[in-house]
Amino acid sequence: MVAPVRLLSDYVGASAADGSTLSGFDHLLASLRDILSTPIGTRVMRPTYGCRSAERLGAPLNAATTADLVADTAEAIYQWEPRVTLKRVIVTKAAADGSAGLDLICDINGRSVRLEGLI
């Protein structure tokens, strides 16, 4: 038997910030932020959950680090977020201090969407 397709509206959870209820697109954004901001090895019951991007903290924002951030992001989203088909990861320089941001271009329910400033 084939499992029914789940829609974004089928997903409901709690906000990590204030405990309020999240559903649909807001739940998806919260999930992506959680995946990308959780260092691998920090969840006791899911030791492989998260993203390796935390390992890049303090590294110079050059071509090699940018390529690593893109690969880390793609790997984490592919492994942990089945509602998203990732098309592109864009690393943005946010400030002179070397901090970076991430934008994603992905398909969600068959629609191409750009998600800006996820981290």
N, C-alpha and C. Protein backbone atom coordinates (compact mmCIF):
# COMPACT_ATOMS: atom_id res chain seq x y z
N MET A 1 0.84 -1.17 0.00
CA MET A 1 0.00 0.00 0.00
C MET A 1 0.89 1.25 0.00
N VAL A 2 0.52 2.24 -0.76
CA VAL A 2 1.27 3.49 -0.86
C VAL A 2 0.77 4.46 0.21
N ALA A 3 1.71 5.08 0.90
CA ALA A 3 1.34 6.06 1.93
C ALA A 3 0.75 7.30 1.27
N PRO A 4 -0.24 7.92 1.89
CA PRO A 4 -0.83 9.14 1.32
C PRO A 4 0.18 10.29 1.35
N VAL A 5 0.06 11.19 0.39
CA VAL A 5 0.92 12.36 0.32
C VAL A 5 0.52 13.32 1.44
N ARG A 6 1.52 13.79 2.19
CA ARG A 6 1.24 14.74 3.26
C ARG A 6 1.45 16.15 2.73
N LEU A 7 0.54 17.04 3.07
CA LEU A 7 0.63 18.44 2.69
C LEU A 7 1.29 19.24 3.80
N LEU A 8 1.76 20.44 3.47
CA LEU A 8 2.36 21.29 4.51
C LEU A 8 1.41 21.51 5.67
N SER A 9 0.14 21.63 5.37
CA SER A 9 -0.84 21.91 6.42
C SER A 9 -1.02 20.73 7.38
N ASP A 10 -0.52 19.54 7.00
CA ASP A 10 -0.62 18.36 7.86
C ASP A 10 0.38 18.40 9.02
N TYR A 11 1.41 19.23 8.91
CA TYR A 11 2.47 19.28 9.91
C TYR A 11 2.17 20.38 10.93
N VAL A 12 2.21 20.00 12.20
CA VAL A 12 1.96 20.94 13.29
C VAL A 12 3.02 20.71 14.36
N GLY A 13 3.51 21.79 14.93
CA GLY A 13 4.51 21.68 15.99
C GLY A 13 4.51 22.93 16.84
N ALA A 14 5.48 23.00 17.74
CA ALA A 14 5.58 24.14 18.64
C ALA A 14 6.79 24.99 18.28
N SER A 15 6.64 26.28 18.45
CA SER A 15 7.73 27.22 18.22
C SER A 15 8.78 27.04 19.31
N ALA A 16 10.04 26.96 18.91
CA ALA A 16 11.13 26.86 19.89
C ALA A 16 11.30 28.18 20.65
N ALA A 17 10.85 29.28 20.05
CA ALA A 17 11.03 30.60 20.67
C ALA A 17 10.04 30.85 21.80
N ASP A 18 8.76 30.52 21.56
CA ASP A 18 7.76 30.88 22.58
C ASP A 18 6.72 29.79 22.85
N GLY A 19 6.85 28.64 22.21
CA GLY A 19 5.93 27.54 22.46
C GLY A 19 4.60 27.63 21.74
N SER A 20 4.40 28.68 20.95
CA SER A 20 3.15 28.80 20.21
C SER A 20 3.07 27.74 19.13
N THR A 21 1.88 27.48 18.66
CA THR A 21 1.65 26.46 17.64
C THR A 21 2.08 26.96 16.27
N LEU A 22 2.82 26.11 15.57
CA LEU A 22 3.22 26.40 14.20
C LEU A 22 2.64 25.32 13.29
N SER A 23 2.24 25.72 12.09
CA SER A 23 1.77 24.75 11.12
C SER A 23 2.10 25.25 9.72
N GLY A 24 1.97 24.37 8.77
CA GLY A 24 2.17 24.74 7.38
C GLY A 24 3.56 25.27 7.08
N PHE A 25 3.62 26.37 6.35
CA PHE A 25 4.88 26.95 5.90
C PHE A 25 5.73 27.42 7.07
N ASP A 26 5.10 27.98 8.12
CA ASP A 26 5.85 28.42 9.30
C ASP A 26 6.54 27.24 9.99
N HIS A 27 5.87 26.10 10.03
CA HIS A 27 6.47 24.90 10.62
C HIS A 27 7.67 24.45 9.79
N LEU A 28 7.55 24.51 8.48
CA LEU A 28 8.66 24.14 7.60
C LEU A 28 9.87 25.05 7.82
N LEU A 29 9.65 26.37 7.88
CA LEU A 29 10.75 27.30 8.12
C LEU A 29 11.43 27.03 9.45
N ALA A 30 10.64 26.78 10.48
CA ALA A 30 11.21 26.49 11.80
C ALA A 30 12.03 25.19 11.76
N SER A 31 11.55 24.21 11.03
CA SER A 31 12.27 22.95 10.90
C SER A 31 13.60 23.15 10.18
N LEU A 32 13.59 23.91 9.10
CA LEU A 32 14.83 24.17 8.36
C LEU A 32 15.83 24.93 9.23
N ARG A 33 15.37 25.94 9.95
CA ARG A 33 16.27 26.69 10.84
C ARG A 33 16.85 25.79 11.92
N ASP A 34 16.02 24.91 12.46
CA ASP A 34 16.48 24.00 13.50
C ASP A 34 17.54 23.05 12.96
N ILE A 35 17.30 22.48 11.80
CA ILE A 35 18.27 21.57 11.19
C ILE A 35 19.59 22.28 10.95
N LEU A 36 19.54 23.46 10.36
CA LEU A 36 20.75 24.17 9.96
C LEU A 36 21.52 24.77 11.14
N SER A 37 20.85 25.00 12.26
CA SER A 37 21.53 25.61 13.41
C SER A 37 21.92 24.61 14.48
N THR A 38 21.60 23.34 14.29
CA THR A 38 21.94 22.31 15.27
C THR A 38 23.24 21.61 14.88
N PRO A 39 24.28 21.74 15.69
CA PRO A 39 25.52 21.02 15.38
C PRO A 39 25.32 19.50 15.50
N ILE A 40 25.88 18.77 14.57
CA ILE A 40 25.80 17.31 14.62
C ILE A 40 26.45 16.82 15.91
N GLY A 41 25.79 15.85 16.55
CA GLY A 41 26.32 15.28 17.79
C GLY A 41 25.75 15.89 19.05
N THR A 42 24.89 16.91 18.92
CA THR A 42 24.36 17.56 20.12
C THR A 42 23.00 17.02 20.55
N ARG A 43 22.35 16.23 19.75
CA ARG A 43 21.07 15.61 20.13
C ARG A 43 21.34 14.18 20.60
N VAL A 44 21.07 13.92 21.85
CA VAL A 44 21.39 12.63 22.45
C VAL A 44 20.67 11.48 21.73
N MET A 45 19.41 11.64 21.46
CA MET A 45 18.64 10.56 20.85
C MET A 45 18.77 10.51 19.32
N ARG A 46 19.32 11.56 18.72
CA ARG A 46 19.58 11.60 17.28
C ARG A 46 20.97 12.18 17.04
N PRO A 47 22.00 11.42 17.27
CA PRO A 47 23.36 11.96 17.19
C PRO A 47 23.79 12.43 15.81
N THR A 48 23.11 11.99 14.76
CA THR A 48 23.47 12.43 13.40
C THR A 48 22.60 13.59 12.91
N TYR A 49 21.67 14.05 13.76
CA TYR A 49 20.77 15.14 13.38
C TYR A 49 21.53 16.47 13.36
N GLY A 50 21.21 17.30 12.39
CA GLY A 50 21.76 18.64 12.34
C GLY A 50 22.59 18.89 11.10
N CYS A 51 23.48 19.87 11.21
CA CYS A 51 24.26 20.32 10.06
C CYS A 51 25.69 20.58 10.49
N ARG A 52 26.63 20.28 9.63
CA ARG A 52 28.05 20.47 9.92
C ARG A 52 28.50 21.94 9.81
N SER A 53 27.60 22.83 9.48
CA SER A 53 28.00 24.23 9.28
C SER A 53 28.62 24.85 10.53
N ALA A 54 28.25 24.37 11.71
CA ALA A 54 28.84 24.90 12.95
C ALA A 54 30.35 24.66 12.98
N GLU A 55 30.82 23.63 12.28
CA GLU A 55 32.25 23.35 12.22
C GLU A 55 33.01 24.43 11.45
N ARG A 56 32.30 25.25 10.72
CA ARG A 56 32.93 26.29 9.90
C ARG A 56 33.06 27.63 10.63
N LEU A 57 32.54 27.71 11.85
CA LEU A 57 32.61 28.96 12.60
C LEU A 57 34.07 29.37 12.79
N GLY A 58 34.35 30.60 12.49
CA GLY A 58 35.70 31.11 12.63
C GLY A 58 36.58 30.92 11.41
N ALA A 59 36.12 30.12 10.45
CA ALA A 59 36.90 29.91 9.23
C ALA A 59 36.75 31.13 8.32
N PRO A 60 37.78 31.44 7.55
CA PRO A 60 37.66 32.58 6.62
C PRO A 60 36.58 32.29 5.58
N LEU A 61 35.82 33.30 5.23
CA LEU A 61 34.74 33.11 4.26
C LEU A 61 35.32 33.23 2.85
N ASN A 62 36.01 32.16 2.43
CA ASN A 62 36.62 32.13 1.11
C ASN A 62 35.90 31.08 0.26
N ALA A 63 36.42 30.80 -0.91
CA ALA A 63 35.76 29.86 -1.83
C ALA A 63 35.63 28.46 -1.24
N ALA A 64 36.67 28.01 -0.54
CA ALA A 64 36.64 26.66 0.03
C ALA A 64 35.58 26.55 1.14
N THR A 65 35.54 27.55 2.02
CA THR A 65 34.55 27.53 3.10
C THR A 65 33.14 27.66 2.54
N THR A 66 32.97 28.50 1.53
CA THR A 66 31.66 28.65 0.90
C THR A 66 31.20 27.33 0.30
N ALA A 67 32.09 26.63 -0.38
CA ALA A 67 31.74 25.32 -0.96
C ALA A 67 31.37 24.33 0.14
N ASP A 68 32.10 24.35 1.25
CA ASP A 68 31.78 23.47 2.37
C ASP A 68 30.41 23.80 2.96
N LEU A 69 30.09 25.08 3.12
CA LEU A 69 28.78 25.49 3.65
C LEU A 69 27.65 25.02 2.74
N VAL A 70 27.84 25.15 1.45
CA VAL A 70 26.83 24.70 0.49
C VAL A 70 26.63 23.19 0.61
N ALA A 71 27.73 22.43 0.63
CA ALA A 71 27.64 20.98 0.74
C ALA A 71 27.02 20.55 2.06
N ASP A 72 27.43 21.18 3.16
CA ASP A 72 26.88 20.85 4.48
C ASP A 72 25.38 21.10 4.52
N THR A 73 24.96 22.23 3.98
CA THR A 73 23.54 22.60 3.96
C THR A 73 22.74 21.61 3.13
N ALA A 74 23.23 21.31 1.95
CA ALA A 74 22.51 20.38 1.06
C ALA A 74 22.39 19.00 1.70
N GLU A 75 23.47 18.53 2.30
CA GLU A 75 23.46 17.22 2.93
C GLU A 75 22.44 17.16 4.07
N ALA A 76 22.43 18.18 4.92
CA ALA A 76 21.51 18.19 6.07
C ALA A 76 20.05 18.26 5.62
N ILE A 77 19.76 19.11 4.66
CA ILE A 77 18.38 19.23 4.20
C ILE A 77 17.92 17.96 3.50
N TYR A 78 18.79 17.40 2.69
CA TYR A 78 18.44 16.14 2.00
C TYR A 78 18.14 15.04 3.02
N GLN A 79 18.95 14.97 4.07
CA GLN A 79 18.77 13.90 5.05
C GLN A 79 17.58 14.12 5.98
N TRP A 80 17.30 15.37 6.37
CA TRP A 80 16.35 15.59 7.45
C TRP A 80 15.05 16.30 7.07
N GLU A 81 14.92 16.83 5.87
CA GLU A 81 13.68 17.56 5.54
C GLU A 81 13.10 17.07 4.21
N PRO A 82 12.23 16.05 4.28
CA PRO A 82 11.67 15.46 3.06
C PRO A 82 10.65 16.35 2.33
N ARG A 83 10.18 17.41 2.98
CA ARG A 83 9.18 18.27 2.33
C ARG A 83 9.80 19.21 1.32
N VAL A 84 11.13 19.26 1.26
CA VAL A 84 11.84 20.22 0.42
C VAL A 84 12.70 19.48 -0.60
N THR A 85 12.64 19.94 -1.84
CA THR A 85 13.59 19.50 -2.87
C THR A 85 14.51 20.68 -3.12
N LEU A 86 15.74 20.57 -2.65
CA LEU A 86 16.68 21.68 -2.73
C LEU A 86 17.21 21.83 -4.15
N LYS A 87 17.18 23.05 -4.66
CA LYS A 87 17.69 23.36 -5.99
C LYS A 87 19.02 24.11 -5.93
N ARG A 88 19.15 25.03 -4.95
CA ARG A 88 20.35 25.85 -4.88
C ARG A 88 20.52 26.41 -3.47
N VAL A 89 21.77 26.50 -3.04
CA VAL A 89 22.13 27.15 -1.77
C VAL A 89 22.97 28.36 -2.12
N ILE A 90 22.59 29.51 -1.58
CA ILE A 90 23.31 30.76 -1.83
C ILE A 90 23.87 31.26 -0.50
N VAL A 91 25.19 31.38 -0.44
CA VAL A 91 25.85 31.90 0.76
C VAL A 91 26.01 33.40 0.56
N THR A 92 25.46 34.18 1.49
CA THR A 92 25.52 35.64 1.39
C THR A 92 26.42 36.18 2.48
N LYS A 93 27.25 37.13 2.14
CA LYS A 93 28.05 37.81 3.16
C LYS A 93 27.17 38.89 3.77
N ALA A 94 26.99 38.82 5.07
CA ALA A 94 26.09 39.74 5.73
C ALA A 94 26.79 40.95 6.33
N ALA A 95 28.06 40.79 6.71
CA ALA A 95 28.72 41.90 7.41
C ALA A 95 30.23 41.83 7.22
N ALA A 96 30.87 42.92 7.55
CA ALA A 96 32.33 43.01 7.43
C ALA A 96 33.04 42.07 8.40
N ASP A 97 32.34 41.61 9.44
CA ASP A 97 32.97 40.72 10.41
C ASP A 97 33.12 39.29 9.90
N GLY A 98 32.69 39.03 8.67
CA GLY A 98 32.83 37.71 8.09
C GLY A 98 31.64 36.80 8.31
N SER A 99 30.60 37.29 8.96
CA SER A 99 29.42 36.45 9.15
C SER A 99 28.74 36.21 7.81
N ALA A 100 28.05 35.12 7.72
CA ALA A 100 27.40 34.74 6.46
C ALA A 100 25.94 34.38 6.72
N GLY A 101 25.15 34.46 5.68
CA GLY A 101 23.77 34.04 5.73
C GLY A 101 23.53 33.01 4.65
N LEU A 102 22.40 32.33 4.72
CA LEU A 102 22.05 31.34 3.71
C LEU A 102 20.68 31.63 3.12
N ASP A 103 20.60 31.59 1.82
CA ASP A 103 19.32 31.61 1.11
C ASP A 103 19.20 30.27 0.39
N LEU A 104 17.99 29.76 0.31
CA LEU A 104 17.76 28.49 -0.39
C LEU A 104 16.76 28.70 -1.51
N ILE A 105 16.99 28.06 -2.61
CA ILE A 105 16.00 27.97 -3.67
C ILE A 105 15.60 26.50 -3.71
N CYS A 106 14.32 26.24 -3.52
CA CYS A 106 13.86 24.86 -3.43
C CYS A 106 12.44 24.73 -3.95
N ASP A 107 12.05 23.49 -4.17
CA ASP A 107 10.68 23.18 -4.54
C ASP A 107 9.94 22.70 -3.30
N ILE A 108 8.79 23.29 -3.07
CA ILE A 108 7.93 22.90 -1.96
C ILE A 108 6.55 22.68 -2.55
N ASN A 109 6.06 21.46 -2.47
CA ASN A 109 4.77 21.11 -3.05
C ASN A 109 4.68 21.51 -4.53
N GLY A 110 5.78 21.32 -5.26
CA GLY A 110 5.78 21.60 -6.70
C GLY A 110 5.99 23.06 -7.08
N ARG A 111 6.15 23.94 -6.10
CA ARG A 111 6.38 25.36 -6.37
C ARG A 111 7.80 25.74 -6.04
N SER A 112 8.44 26.50 -6.91
CA SER A 112 9.79 26.97 -6.65
C SER A 112 9.71 28.18 -5.72
N VAL A 113 10.50 28.14 -4.64
CA VAL A 113 10.45 29.17 -3.61
C VAL A 113 11.88 29.56 -3.23
N ARG A 114 12.09 30.86 -3.00
CA ARG A 114 13.37 31.31 -2.46
C ARG A 114 13.16 31.66 -0.99
N LEU A 115 13.92 31.01 -0.14
CA LEU A 115 13.86 31.25 1.30
C LEU A 115 15.11 32.03 1.68
N GLU A 116 14.92 33.25 2.14
CA GLU A 116 16.04 34.14 2.40
C GLU A 116 16.34 34.24 3.90
N GLY A 117 17.64 34.31 4.20
CA GLY A 117 18.08 34.58 5.57
C GLY A 117 17.74 33.50 6.57
N LEU A 118 17.87 32.24 6.17
CA LEU A 118 17.52 31.16 7.10
C LEU A 118 18.44 31.12 8.31
N ILE A 119 19.71 31.39 8.11
CA ILE A 119 20.62 31.51 9.25
C ILE A 119 21.53 32.68 9.02
